Amino acid sequence: MNSLILLFITALAVAIGFAVGYLWRKKVAQAQANSLEAKSEKILIETKNKQQELLLDAKDKASKIIDQAKKDEEARRVELRSIQQHLEKRENMFDAKLLEFGNREQKLQQEFTAVEKIRADVEQVKLDQIQKLQAVARLSEEQAREELFKLVEQRSKEDLASRMIKLDREGSDAFEGKARELMTSCIQRYAASHSAETTTTSLDLPNDEMKGRIIGKEGRNIKTIEKLTGCELIVDDTPQVITISGFNMIRRQIAKMALEKLIADGRIQPARIEEFIDAAKLELATDIKKVGEETVYELGMIGLDPKMIMIIGRLKYRTSYGQNVLMHCKEVGYLAGMIASELGLDLVLAKKAGFFHDIGKAIDHETQGGHPELGYQILKKFNFDEEICYAALAHHEDKPKTIMCSIVKAADAISGARLGARKGTYEEYIRRLEDLEKTASSFPGIDKVYAIQAGREIRVFVKPDELDDASMFNLAREIAQKIEQELQYPGEIKVTMIREKRIVEYAR
């Protein structure tokens, strides 16, 4: 019973506590709510006051802006009125000026009409006077002018003729003196060394025993060398020297280079001879290319075709009247450039025209035709300027058509006319040997022809597949007869026919 009462009292106390707590919390919450509402009311009032102040400030500023705009508008109106008045004033002035110009133009037109009328009256009076004079003199105007000219011509004819002769003489003397001065200056500025080329080349030997080894058993070595190179080897009593004879400098150079290699190698026999001659040909081709490149670099001509460079290099082994053609071409190029520079013409073009004027001589040994035509064909093939091509074609003509060709012709004459530069006898000798080789090689079935013994013998190598031994007898007779009919030569010429069939196989 007591426990129930205690439990009841406890529950009642808890309920009372909850009730009291709830009321207390409600009161506290009500107090807080009243406080927040007061704050919100206060903030709202302050906001309304600030809004009112801002509206008043905005109204003041707007009023001030409106007043300033009205003032500015009034000022613009005043300015526009002033500008309008100024424009109206200028417009009135322009109208007055236009009116004045119109009146002046009208007056000038009237004066022009009056002047034209006076001029027409003057022309009419002049025409009347001429008609009256013609009627009195019984001559027309053209007849009177012709009579006057005839009279003046008769009186002044002798004076004019003597004056023309004097001027012509003075002009010729002045031009001749200027040309002489120009040529002298160019010759003095360029001094090139020159020496006559010969038809023999000397080769030094280490000892006289080497002569016997070069000759070989029964002369087989020396015969092989002469056969493959087309040159003649002269072995005489001169100590430690052997002479290579031949009119073609390229053949002599190949023979010399091959012999030098054979002497250094020591094994001199036909097989080794053929091998070293082939190697010498390749080495000479390299040397020709090197000479061409050095020449092009020296003259400042870049961008040339490699084939043209090889042709230029071949000029080193070509002579003209005993004068080296490469040195001659370089000399003509420099002289032509100097002359063109003195005359105010294109120096580079003149130098090229002068250098390439004899380029045809690089191949005239192997090709039919004169060197001017060959040179022209070569230059046209490599797309050179037409003036350069024409200089190569016409530098031997009496009256060239271009000033550049005339310059090249003058430079060529200067280079060839110097004392000791050329030898005519040598050139005639070379031409005779060339004609001899060309005559013999004109028959079908012939492989190579070499003129040796100073033109007293030619060796003809035939193609073994086209000619047999029997037909060689008739061919030798025909060659000899053609030489007798077409060429002039002292003594007699020996024709030697050679037919060789060679078969090579390798055992590997």
Protein backbone atom coordinates (compact mmCIF):
# COMPACT_ATOMS: atom_id res chain seq x y z
CA MET A 1 0.00 0.00 0.00
CA ASN A 2 2.74 2.34 0.93
CA SER A 3 4.64 1.49 -2.22
CA LEU A 4 1.64 2.34 -4.34
CA ILE A 5 1.22 5.66 -2.57
CA LEU A 6 4.92 6.37 -3.06
CA LEU A 7 4.65 5.45 -6.73
CA PHE A 8 1.62 7.67 -7.15
CA ILE A 9 3.32 10.58 -5.40
CA THR A 10 6.36 10.12 -7.64
CA ALA A 11 4.26 10.11 -10.76
CA LEU A 12 2.38 13.17 -9.60
CA ALA A 13 5.62 14.96 -8.86
CA VAL A 14 6.92 14.11 -12.32
CA ALA A 15 3.71 15.36 -13.92
CA ILE A 16 3.85 18.58 -11.96
CA GLY A 17 7.52 18.98 -12.97
CA PHE A 18 6.63 18.53 -16.62
CA ALA A 19 3.83 21.02 -16.33
CA VAL A 20 5.98 23.60 -14.58
CA GLY A 21 8.82 23.08 -17.11
CA TYR A 22 6.47 23.44 -20.02
CA LEU A 23 5.02 26.68 -18.68
CA TRP A 24 8.47 28.05 -17.95
CA ARG A 25 9.72 27.22 -21.44
CA LYS A 26 6.64 28.77 -22.99
CA LYS A 27 7.19 31.94 -21.04
CA VAL A 28 10.82 32.12 -22.04
CA ALA A 29 9.93 31.52 -25.67
CA GLN A 30 7.28 34.23 -25.52
CA ALA A 31 9.79 36.65 -24.11
CA GLN A 32 12.28 35.85 -26.86
CA ALA A 33 9.60 36.23 -29.52
CA ASN A 34 8.58 39.60 -28.13
CA SER A 35 12.25 40.69 -28.19
CA LEU A 36 12.78 39.61 -31.89
CA GLU A 37 9.57 41.31 -32.97
CA ALA A 38 10.72 44.52 -31.37
CA LYS A 39 14.05 44.31 -33.10
CA SER A 40 12.42 43.63 -36.46
CA GLU A 41 10.09 46.57 -35.98
CA LYS A 42 13.01 48.79 -35.16
CA ILE A 43 14.97 47.65 -38.24
CA LEU A 44 11.96 48.17 -40.45
CA ILE A 45 11.51 51.71 -39.15
CA GLU A 46 15.19 52.48 -39.74
CA THR A 47 14.98 51.06 -43.24
CA LYS A 48 11.99 53.20 -44.07
CA ASN A 49 13.78 56.28 -42.77
CA LYS A 50 16.87 55.56 -44.88
CA GLN A 51 14.67 54.89 -47.92
CA GLN A 52 13.01 58.22 -47.45
CA GLU A 53 16.37 59.98 -47.21
CA LEU A 54 17.62 58.26 -50.37
CA LEU A 55 14.49 59.26 -52.26
CA LEU A 56 14.97 62.86 -51.20
CA ASP A 57 18.63 62.81 -52.31
CA ALA A 58 17.70 61.23 -55.63
CA LYS A 59 15.04 63.86 -56.22
CA ASP A 60 17.57 66.63 -55.49
CA LYS A 61 20.15 65.13 -57.85
CA ALA A 62 17.55 64.57 -60.57
CA SER A 63 16.42 68.17 -60.22
CA LYS A 64 20.01 69.38 -60.50
CA ILE A 65 20.64 67.19 -63.58
CA ILE A 66 17.49 68.45 -65.23
CA ASP A 67 18.48 72.05 -64.54
CA GLN A 68 22.00 71.44 -65.96
CA ALA A 69 20.53 69.74 -69.04
CA LYS A 70 18.26 72.70 -69.62
CA LYS A 71 21.23 75.06 -69.36
CA ASP A 72 23.29 72.92 -71.79
CA GLU A 73 20.39 72.75 -74.22
CA GLU A 74 20.03 76.50 -74.12
CA ALA A 75 23.76 76.95 -74.76
CA ARG A 76 23.61 74.56 -77.75
CA ARG A 77 20.65 76.43 -79.14
CA VAL A 78 22.58 79.68 -78.90
CA GLU A 79 25.60 78.08 -80.60
CA LEU A 80 23.47 76.57 -83.37
CA ARG A 81 21.84 79.96 -84.00
CA SER A 82 25.32 81.50 -84.29
CA ILE A 83 26.50 78.80 -86.73
CA GLN A 84 23.35 79.14 -88.78
CA GLN A 85 23.82 82.90 -89.03
CA HIS A 86 27.48 82.39 -90.09
CA LEU A 87 26.49 79.87 -92.76
CA GLU A 88 23.79 82.15 -94.09
CA LYS A 89 26.35 84.96 -94.30
CA ARG A 90 28.88 82.75 -96.21
CA GLU A 91 26.12 81.51 -98.51
CA ASN A 92 25.25 85.07 -99.40
CA MET A 93 28.95 85.76 -100.08
CA PHE A 94 29.21 82.71 -102.33
CA ASP A 95 26.16 83.78 -104.27
CA ALA A 96 27.74 87.19 -104.80
CA LYS A 97 31.03 85.60 -105.94
CA LEU A 98 29.24 83.27 -108.37
CA LEU A 99 27.39 86.18 -109.83
CA GLU A 100 30.68 88.08 -110.18
CA PHE A 101 32.39 85.08 -111.82
CA GLY A 102 29.51 84.68 -114.25
CA ASN A 103 29.78 88.33 -115.29
CA ARG A 104 33.56 88.00 -115.69
CA GLU A 105 33.23 84.80 -117.79
CA GLN A 106 30.77 86.56 -120.05
CA LYS A 107 33.19 89.47 -120.51
CA LEU A 108 36.10 87.09 -121.26
CA GLN A 109 34.01 85.23 -123.83
CA GLN A 110 33.20 88.51 -125.52
CA GLU A 111 36.90 89.50 -125.52
CA PHE A 112 37.90 86.03 -126.90
CA THR A 113 35.37 86.40 -129.71
CA ALA A 114 36.77 89.84 -130.51
CA VAL A 115 40.37 88.48 -130.53
CA GLU A 116 39.40 85.58 -132.82
CA LYS A 117 37.79 88.04 -135.18
CA ILE A 118 40.92 90.21 -135.19
CA ARG A 119 43.11 87.13 -135.83
CA ALA A 120 40.91 86.07 -138.74
CA ASP A 121 41.18 89.59 -140.16
CA VAL A 122 45.01 89.46 -139.80
CA GLU A 123 45.21 86.05 -141.55
CA GLN A 124 43.05 87.37 -144.34
CA VAL A 125 45.26 90.43 -144.72
CA LYS A 126 48.38 88.21 -144.72
CA LEU A 127 46.87 85.94 -147.36
CA ASP A 128 45.95 88.96 -149.50
CA GLN A 129 49.53 90.26 -149.21
CA ILE A 130 51.01 86.85 -150.21
CA GLN A 131 48.70 86.69 -153.22
CA LYS A 132 49.73 90.17 -154.24
CA LEU A 133 53.45 89.26 -153.86
CA GLN A 134 52.98 86.06 -155.86
CA ALA A 135 51.20 88.03 -158.57
CA VAL A 136 54.08 90.53 -158.70
CA ALA A 137 56.87 87.89 -158.55
CA ARG A 138 54.97 85.34 -160.66
CA LEU A 139 56.05 82.59 -158.18
CA SER A 140 54.08 80.49 -155.68
CA GLU A 141 55.12 80.19 -152.03
CA GLU A 142 56.62 76.72 -152.52
CA GLN A 143 58.52 77.84 -155.62
CA ALA A 144 59.91 80.88 -153.80
CA ARG A 145 61.06 78.71 -150.86
CA GLU A 146 62.70 76.24 -153.23
CA GLU A 147 64.52 79.02 -155.08
CA LEU A 148 65.75 80.46 -151.79
CA PHE A 149 67.04 77.05 -150.61
CA LYS A 150 68.84 76.47 -153.92
CA LEU A 151 70.56 79.84 -153.64
CA VAL A 152 71.67 79.18 -150.05
CA GLU A 153 72.81 75.64 -150.96
CA GLN A 154 74.92 76.88 -153.89
CA ARG A 155 76.62 79.52 -151.77
CA SER A 156 77.25 77.19 -148.81
CA LYS A 157 77.96 73.90 -150.60
CA GLU A 158 81.74 74.18 -150.56
CA ASP A 159 81.78 75.45 -146.96
CA LEU A 160 79.57 72.59 -145.82
CA ALA A 161 81.66 69.97 -147.65
CA SER A 162 84.94 71.21 -146.18
CA ARG A 163 83.34 71.38 -142.72
CA MET A 164 82.02 67.83 -142.98
CA ILE A 165 85.43 66.51 -144.07
CA LYS A 166 87.09 68.29 -141.17
CA LEU A 167 84.57 66.98 -138.64
CA ASP A 168 84.85 63.45 -140.07
CA ARG A 169 88.66 63.55 -139.82
CA GLU A 170 88.54 64.92 -136.28
CA GLY A 171 85.96 62.29 -135.25
CA SER A 172 87.98 59.44 -136.76
CA ASP A 173 91.17 60.62 -135.06
CA ALA A 174 89.38 60.98 -131.72
CA PHE A 175 87.75 57.54 -131.96
CA GLU A 176 90.99 55.90 -133.05
CA GLY A 177 92.89 57.52 -130.19
CA LYS A 178 90.22 56.47 -127.70
CA ALA A 179 90.22 52.89 -129.01
CA ARG A 180 94.02 52.74 -128.86
CA GLU A 181 93.97 54.07 -125.31
CA LEU A 182 91.30 51.53 -124.31
CA MET A 183 93.15 48.56 -125.79
CA THR A 184 96.47 49.65 -124.28
CA SER A 185 94.89 50.00 -120.87
CA CYS A 186 93.30 46.53 -121.01
CA ILE A 187 96.52 44.88 -122.22
CA GLN A 188 98.53 46.54 -119.44
CA ARG A 189 96.00 45.48 -116.80
CA TYR A 190 96.14 41.81 -117.87
CA ALA A 191 99.47 40.10 -118.28
CA ALA A 192 99.13 36.33 -118.76
CA SER A 193 102.01 33.93 -119.08
CA HIS A 194 102.15 31.99 -122.33
CA SER A 195 104.33 29.29 -123.77
CA ALA A 196 104.22 27.22 -126.93
CA GLU A 197 103.09 23.60 -126.52
CA THR A 198 105.15 20.91 -128.26
CA THR A 199 104.29 17.52 -129.69
CA THR A 200 106.56 15.54 -127.35
CA THR A 201 106.64 14.80 -123.64
CA SER A 202 109.77 13.72 -121.78
CA LEU A 203 109.60 11.11 -119.03
CA ASP A 204 112.43 10.70 -116.53
CA LEU A 205 113.54 7.14 -115.73
CA PRO A 206 115.21 5.92 -112.53
CA ASN A 207 117.96 4.20 -114.59
CA ASP A 208 118.81 3.19 -118.15
CA GLU A 209 117.94 -0.45 -117.40
CA MET A 210 114.27 0.63 -117.33
CA LYS A 211 114.45 1.39 -121.07
CA GLY A 212 114.97 -2.30 -121.87
CA ARG A 213 112.10 -3.32 -119.60
CA ILE A 214 109.80 -0.78 -121.27
CA ILE A 215 110.78 -2.13 -124.71
CA GLY A 216 110.21 -5.72 -123.57
CA LYS A 217 111.02 -9.00 -125.22
CA GLU A 218 111.04 -8.51 -129.00
CA GLY A 219 109.50 -5.08 -128.38
CA ARG A 220 106.14 -6.43 -127.21
CA ASN A 221 105.78 -3.93 -124.32
CA ILE A 222 106.49 -0.83 -126.36
CA LYS A 223 104.23 -2.07 -129.17
CA THR A 224 101.39 -2.60 -126.70
CA ILE A 225 101.82 0.91 -125.28
CA GLU A 226 101.89 2.49 -128.75
CA LYS A 227 98.85 0.47 -129.81
CA LEU A 228 96.72 1.38 -126.79
CA THR A 229 97.69 5.05 -126.53
CA GLY A 230 98.24 6.05 -130.17
CA CYS A 231 101.58 7.66 -129.24
CA GLU A 232 105.09 6.79 -130.29
CA LEU A 233 107.76 6.03 -127.70
CA ILE A 234 111.23 7.25 -128.69
CA VAL A 235 114.02 5.43 -126.89
CA ASP A 236 117.39 6.95 -127.79
CA ASP A 237 120.82 7.43 -126.23
CA THR A 238 119.65 10.23 -123.90
CA PRO A 239 120.45 8.96 -120.39
CA GLN A 240 117.49 8.15 -118.12
CA VAL A 241 114.95 9.82 -120.45
CA ILE A 242 112.30 8.42 -122.75
CA THR A 243 110.29 10.62 -125.14
CA ILE A 244 106.55 10.27 -125.82
CA SER A 245 105.66 11.65 -129.25
CA GLY A 246 102.12 12.44 -130.48
CA PHE A 247 100.15 15.44 -131.64
CA ASN A 248 97.22 14.75 -129.25
CA MET A 249 98.03 16.02 -125.77
CA ILE A 250 95.40 13.80 -124.13
CA ARG A 251 96.98 10.67 -125.60
CA ARG A 252 100.46 11.81 -124.52
CA GLN A 253 99.22 12.51 -120.99
CA ILE A 254 97.59 9.08 -120.75
CA ALA A 255 100.80 7.42 -121.93
CA LYS A 256 102.89 9.42 -119.46
CA MET A 257 100.63 8.65 -116.49
CA ALA A 258 100.52 4.94 -117.37
CA LEU A 259 104.30 4.72 -117.76
CA GLU A 260 104.87 6.48 -114.43
CA LYS A 261 102.63 3.95 -112.69
CA LEU A 262 104.27 1.02 -114.50
CA ILE A 263 107.75 2.20 -113.53
CA ALA A 264 106.66 2.59 -109.90
CA ASP A 265 105.01 -0.86 -109.95
CA GLY A 266 107.96 -2.55 -111.66
CA ARG A 267 105.90 -5.28 -113.38
CA ILE A 268 105.91 -4.23 -117.04
CA GLN A 269 104.06 -6.68 -119.27
CA PRO A 270 101.20 -6.36 -121.83
CA ALA A 271 98.43 -7.29 -119.37
CA ARG A 272 99.67 -4.82 -116.74
CA ILE A 273 100.19 -2.18 -119.42
CA GLU A 274 96.55 -2.42 -120.52
CA GLU A 275 95.38 -2.28 -116.90
CA PHE A 276 97.43 0.82 -116.08
CA ILE A 277 96.40 2.59 -119.29
CA ASP A 278 92.73 2.10 -118.36
CA ALA A 279 93.47 3.44 -114.88
CA ALA A 280 95.29 6.43 -116.41
CA LYS A 281 92.25 7.23 -118.54
CA LEU A 282 90.04 7.30 -115.45
CA GLU A 283 92.56 9.42 -113.58
CA LEU A 284 92.81 11.83 -116.52
CA ALA A 285 89.02 12.16 -116.60
CA THR A 286 89.12 13.11 -112.92
CA ASP A 287 91.88 15.63 -113.62
CA ILE A 288 89.88 17.12 -116.50
CA LYS A 289 86.88 17.57 -114.20
CA LYS A 290 89.08 19.16 -111.53
CA VAL A 291 90.59 21.58 -114.05
CA GLY A 292 87.11 22.53 -115.26
CA GLU A 293 85.88 23.17 -111.72
CA GLU A 294 88.95 25.27 -110.86
CA THR A 295 88.51 27.32 -114.03
CA VAL A 296 84.82 27.92 -113.37
CA TYR A 297 85.58 28.99 -109.79
CA GLU A 298 88.40 31.28 -110.94
CA LEU A 299 86.16 33.05 -113.46
CA GLY A 300 83.20 33.27 -111.06
CA MET A 301 80.80 31.27 -113.26
CA ILE A 302 78.57 29.13 -111.07
CA GLY A 303 75.67 26.83 -111.83
CA LEU A 304 77.14 25.23 -114.97
CA ASP A 305 76.17 21.74 -116.06
CA PRO A 306 78.71 19.03 -115.04
CA LYS A 307 79.05 18.01 -118.70
CA MET A 308 79.99 21.58 -119.61
CA ILE A 309 82.60 21.57 -116.84
CA MET A 310 84.14 18.42 -118.38
CA ILE A 311 84.24 20.11 -121.79
CA ILE A 312 85.98 23.13 -120.23
CA GLY A 313 88.57 20.85 -118.60
CA ARG A 314 89.40 19.27 -121.98
CA LEU A 315 90.63 22.67 -123.22
CA LYS A 316 93.74 22.20 -121.05
CA TYR A 317 94.84 19.46 -123.45
CA ARG A 318 94.18 21.40 -126.66
CA THR A 319 96.44 23.90 -128.40
CA SER A 320 95.87 26.43 -131.16
CA TYR A 321 98.94 27.56 -133.11
CA GLY A 322 101.05 26.35 -130.19
CA GLN A 323 98.99 28.33 -127.64
CA ASN A 324 97.16 26.48 -124.87
CA VAL A 325 93.44 26.94 -125.60
CA LEU A 326 92.36 26.99 -121.94
CA MET A 327 94.82 29.78 -121.12
CA HIS A 328 93.80 31.56 -124.32
CA CYS A 329 90.08 31.37 -123.44
CA LYS A 330 90.68 32.64 -119.91
CA GLU A 331 92.77 35.49 -121.27
CA VAL A 332 90.12 36.45 -123.84
CA GLY A 333 87.46 36.33 -121.11
CA TYR A 334 89.39 38.71 -118.85
CA LEU A 335 90.22 41.08 -121.72
CA ALA A 336 86.62 41.12 -122.98
CA GLY A 337 85.39 41.89 -119.47
CA MET A 338 87.84 44.80 -119.14
CA ILE A 339 86.83 46.25 -122.52
CA ALA A 340 83.11 45.93 -121.69
CA SER A 341 83.69 47.58 -118.31
CA GLU A 342 85.43 50.53 -119.96
CA LEU A 343 82.53 50.88 -122.41
CA GLY A 344 79.88 50.67 -119.67
CA LEU A 345 78.51 47.29 -120.85
CA ASP A 346 77.73 44.06 -118.98
CA LEU A 347 81.09 42.83 -117.63
CA VAL A 348 79.85 39.34 -116.61
CA LEU A 349 78.24 38.71 -120.00
CA ALA A 350 81.37 39.86 -121.84
CA LYS A 351 83.62 37.65 -119.69
CA LYS A 352 81.45 34.59 -120.43
CA ALA A 353 81.28 35.39 -124.15
CA GLY A 354 85.07 35.79 -124.28
CA PHE A 355 85.80 32.58 -122.39
CA PHE A 356 83.37 30.36 -124.35
CA HIS A 357 84.29 31.73 -127.81
CA ASP A 358 86.62 28.75 -128.54
CA ILE A 359 84.72 26.07 -126.57
CA GLY A 360 84.22 24.17 -129.83
CA LYS A 361 87.94 23.35 -129.93
CA ALA A 362 87.42 20.94 -127.03
CA ILE A 363 85.68 18.45 -129.35
CA ASP A 364 86.74 19.42 -132.88
CA HIS A 365 89.26 16.52 -132.89
CA GLU A 366 86.44 13.97 -132.61
CA THR A 367 83.58 15.79 -134.42
CA GLN A 368 83.18 16.97 -137.99
CA GLY A 369 82.88 20.75 -138.47
CA GLY A 370 84.69 23.94 -137.58
CA HIS A 371 85.08 25.04 -133.98
CA PRO A 372 82.77 28.13 -134.35
CA GLU A 373 79.82 25.97 -135.43
CA LEU A 374 80.61 23.30 -132.84
CA GLY A 375 80.91 25.93 -130.11
CA TYR A 376 77.57 27.46 -131.10
CA GLN A 377 75.88 24.04 -130.97
CA ILE A 378 77.39 23.26 -127.54
CA LEU A 379 76.32 26.59 -126.01
CA LYS A 380 72.81 26.32 -127.46
CA LYS A 381 72.51 22.80 -126.06
CA PHE A 382 73.33 24.07 -122.56
CA ASN A 383 70.92 27.04 -122.88
CA PHE A 384 73.44 29.88 -122.83
CA ASP A 385 72.45 33.45 -123.67
CA GLU A 386 72.06 34.11 -127.40
CA GLU A 387 74.77 36.82 -127.34
CA ILE A 388 77.28 34.32 -125.93
CA CYS A 389 76.29 31.72 -128.54
CA TYR A 390 76.59 34.25 -131.36
CA ALA A 391 80.04 35.36 -130.13
CA ALA A 392 81.25 31.75 -130.41
CA LEU A 393 79.79 31.45 -133.91
CA ALA A 394 80.86 34.79 -135.42
CA HIS A 395 84.10 35.78 -133.66
CA HIS A 396 86.03 35.14 -136.91
CA GLU A 397 83.63 37.12 -139.13
CA ASP A 398 84.70 40.46 -140.61
CA LYS A 399 81.60 42.40 -139.52
CA PRO A 400 79.93 40.95 -136.41
CA LYS A 401 76.32 41.99 -135.87
CA THR A 402 76.56 42.68 -132.10
CA ILE A 403 78.84 44.90 -130.03
CA MET A 404 79.54 41.97 -127.68
CA CYS A 405 80.86 39.84 -130.56
CA SER A 406 83.04 42.76 -131.68
CA ILE A 407 84.49 42.98 -128.15
CA VAL A 408 85.23 39.23 -128.14
CA LYS A 409 86.85 39.47 -131.58
CA ALA A 410 89.10 42.33 -130.39
CA ALA A 411 90.08 40.43 -127.22
CA ASP A 412 90.79 37.29 -129.28
CA ALA A 413 93.05 39.30 -131.59
CA ILE A 414 94.91 40.81 -128.62
CA SER A 415 95.47 37.39 -127.04
CA GLY A 416 96.67 35.74 -130.25
CA ALA A 417 98.75 38.62 -131.63
CA ARG A 418 101.18 38.93 -128.72
CA LEU A 419 104.75 38.03 -129.60
CA GLY A 420 105.49 34.38 -128.95
CA ALA A 421 101.88 33.48 -128.19
CA ARG A 422 101.36 31.33 -131.27
CA LYS A 423 103.26 29.35 -133.86
CA GLY A 424 101.66 28.83 -137.24
CA THR A 425 103.87 25.92 -138.36
CA TYR A 426 102.82 23.80 -135.39
CA GLU A 427 99.12 24.36 -136.06
CA GLU A 428 99.53 23.37 -139.71
CA TYR A 429 101.33 20.22 -138.61
CA ILE A 430 98.53 19.31 -136.17
CA ARG A 431 95.88 19.95 -138.82
CA ARG A 432 97.69 17.67 -141.27
CA LEU A 433 97.75 14.82 -138.72
CA GLU A 434 94.07 15.36 -137.88
CA ASP A 435 93.10 15.25 -141.54
CA LEU A 436 95.13 12.08 -141.95
CA GLU A 437 93.31 10.34 -139.09
CA LYS A 438 89.87 11.57 -140.26
CA THR A 439 90.52 10.38 -143.82
CA ALA A 440 91.50 6.90 -142.68
CA SER A 441 88.62 6.59 -140.18
CA SER A 442 85.96 7.45 -142.81
CA PHE A 443 85.71 3.83 -143.95
CA PRO A 444 83.23 1.38 -142.36
CA GLY A 445 84.45 -1.31 -139.96
CA ILE A 446 87.29 0.80 -138.50
CA ASP A 447 87.58 1.05 -134.70
CA LYS A 448 90.51 3.42 -134.08
CA VAL A 449 93.13 5.27 -136.14
CA TYR A 450 96.39 6.66 -134.80
CA ALA A 451 98.85 8.85 -136.75
CA ILE A 452 102.44 8.27 -135.57
CA GLN A 453 105.99 8.89 -136.78
CA ALA A 454 105.16 12.58 -137.36
CA GLY A 455 102.49 11.58 -139.86
CA ARG A 456 104.66 9.13 -141.81
CA GLU A 457 102.64 6.14 -140.56
CA ILE A 458 99.06 5.48 -139.55
CA ARG A 459 97.90 2.46 -137.59
CA VAL A 460 94.34 1.38 -138.32
CA PHE A 461 92.58 -0.92 -135.85
CA VAL A 462 89.59 -2.67 -137.43
CA LYS A 463 86.57 -4.30 -135.82
CA PRO A 464 87.21 -8.06 -136.00
CA ASP A 465 83.50 -8.94 -136.11
CA GLU A 466 82.90 -6.80 -139.21
CA LEU A 467 86.08 -7.36 -141.25
CA ASP A 468 88.08 -10.52 -141.92
CA ASP A 469 91.74 -10.85 -142.85
CA ALA A 470 91.06 -11.02 -146.58
CA SER A 471 89.03 -7.80 -146.70
CA MET A 472 91.76 -5.93 -144.81
CA PHE A 473 94.05 -6.02 -147.88
CA ASN A 474 91.48 -4.23 -150.03
CA LEU A 475 90.69 -1.78 -147.21
CA ALA A 476 94.38 -0.89 -146.78
CA ARG A 477 94.67 -0.21 -150.51
CA GLU A 478 91.52 1.96 -150.49
CA ILE A 479 92.77 3.98 -147.53
CA ALA A 480 96.12 4.57 -149.21
CA GLN A 481 94.43 5.64 -152.47
CA LYS A 482 92.12 8.07 -150.66
CA ILE A 483 95.08 9.62 -148.80
CA GLU A 484 96.90 10.06 -152.12
CA GLN A 485 93.87 11.74 -153.72
CA GLU A 486 92.76 14.06 -150.90
CA LEU A 487 95.87 14.99 -148.88
CA GLN A 488 99.15 16.71 -149.58
CA TYR A 489 102.18 15.42 -147.69
CA PRO A 490 105.93 15.05 -148.10
CA GLY A 491 107.44 11.61 -148.76
CA GLU A 492 105.24 8.57 -148.20
CA ILE A 493 102.77 7.39 -145.55
CA LYS A 494 102.76 3.81 -144.30
CA VAL A 495 99.31 2.28 -143.66
CA THR A 496 99.39 -0.50 -141.05
CA MET A 497 96.19 -2.55 -140.57
CA ILE A 498 95.70 -4.37 -137.24
CA ARG A 499 92.96 -6.92 -136.52
CA GLU A 500 92.81 -8.53 -133.11
CA LYS A 501 90.22 -10.94 -131.75
CA ARG A 502 90.31 -11.14 -127.96
CA ILE A 503 88.20 -13.43 -125.81
CA VAL A 504 88.26 -13.06 -122.02
CA GLU A 505 86.86 -15.52 -119.47
CA TYR A 506 87.30 -15.73 -115.70
CA ALA A 507 87.81 -18.89 -113.61
CA ARG A 508 86.24 -18.41 -110.22
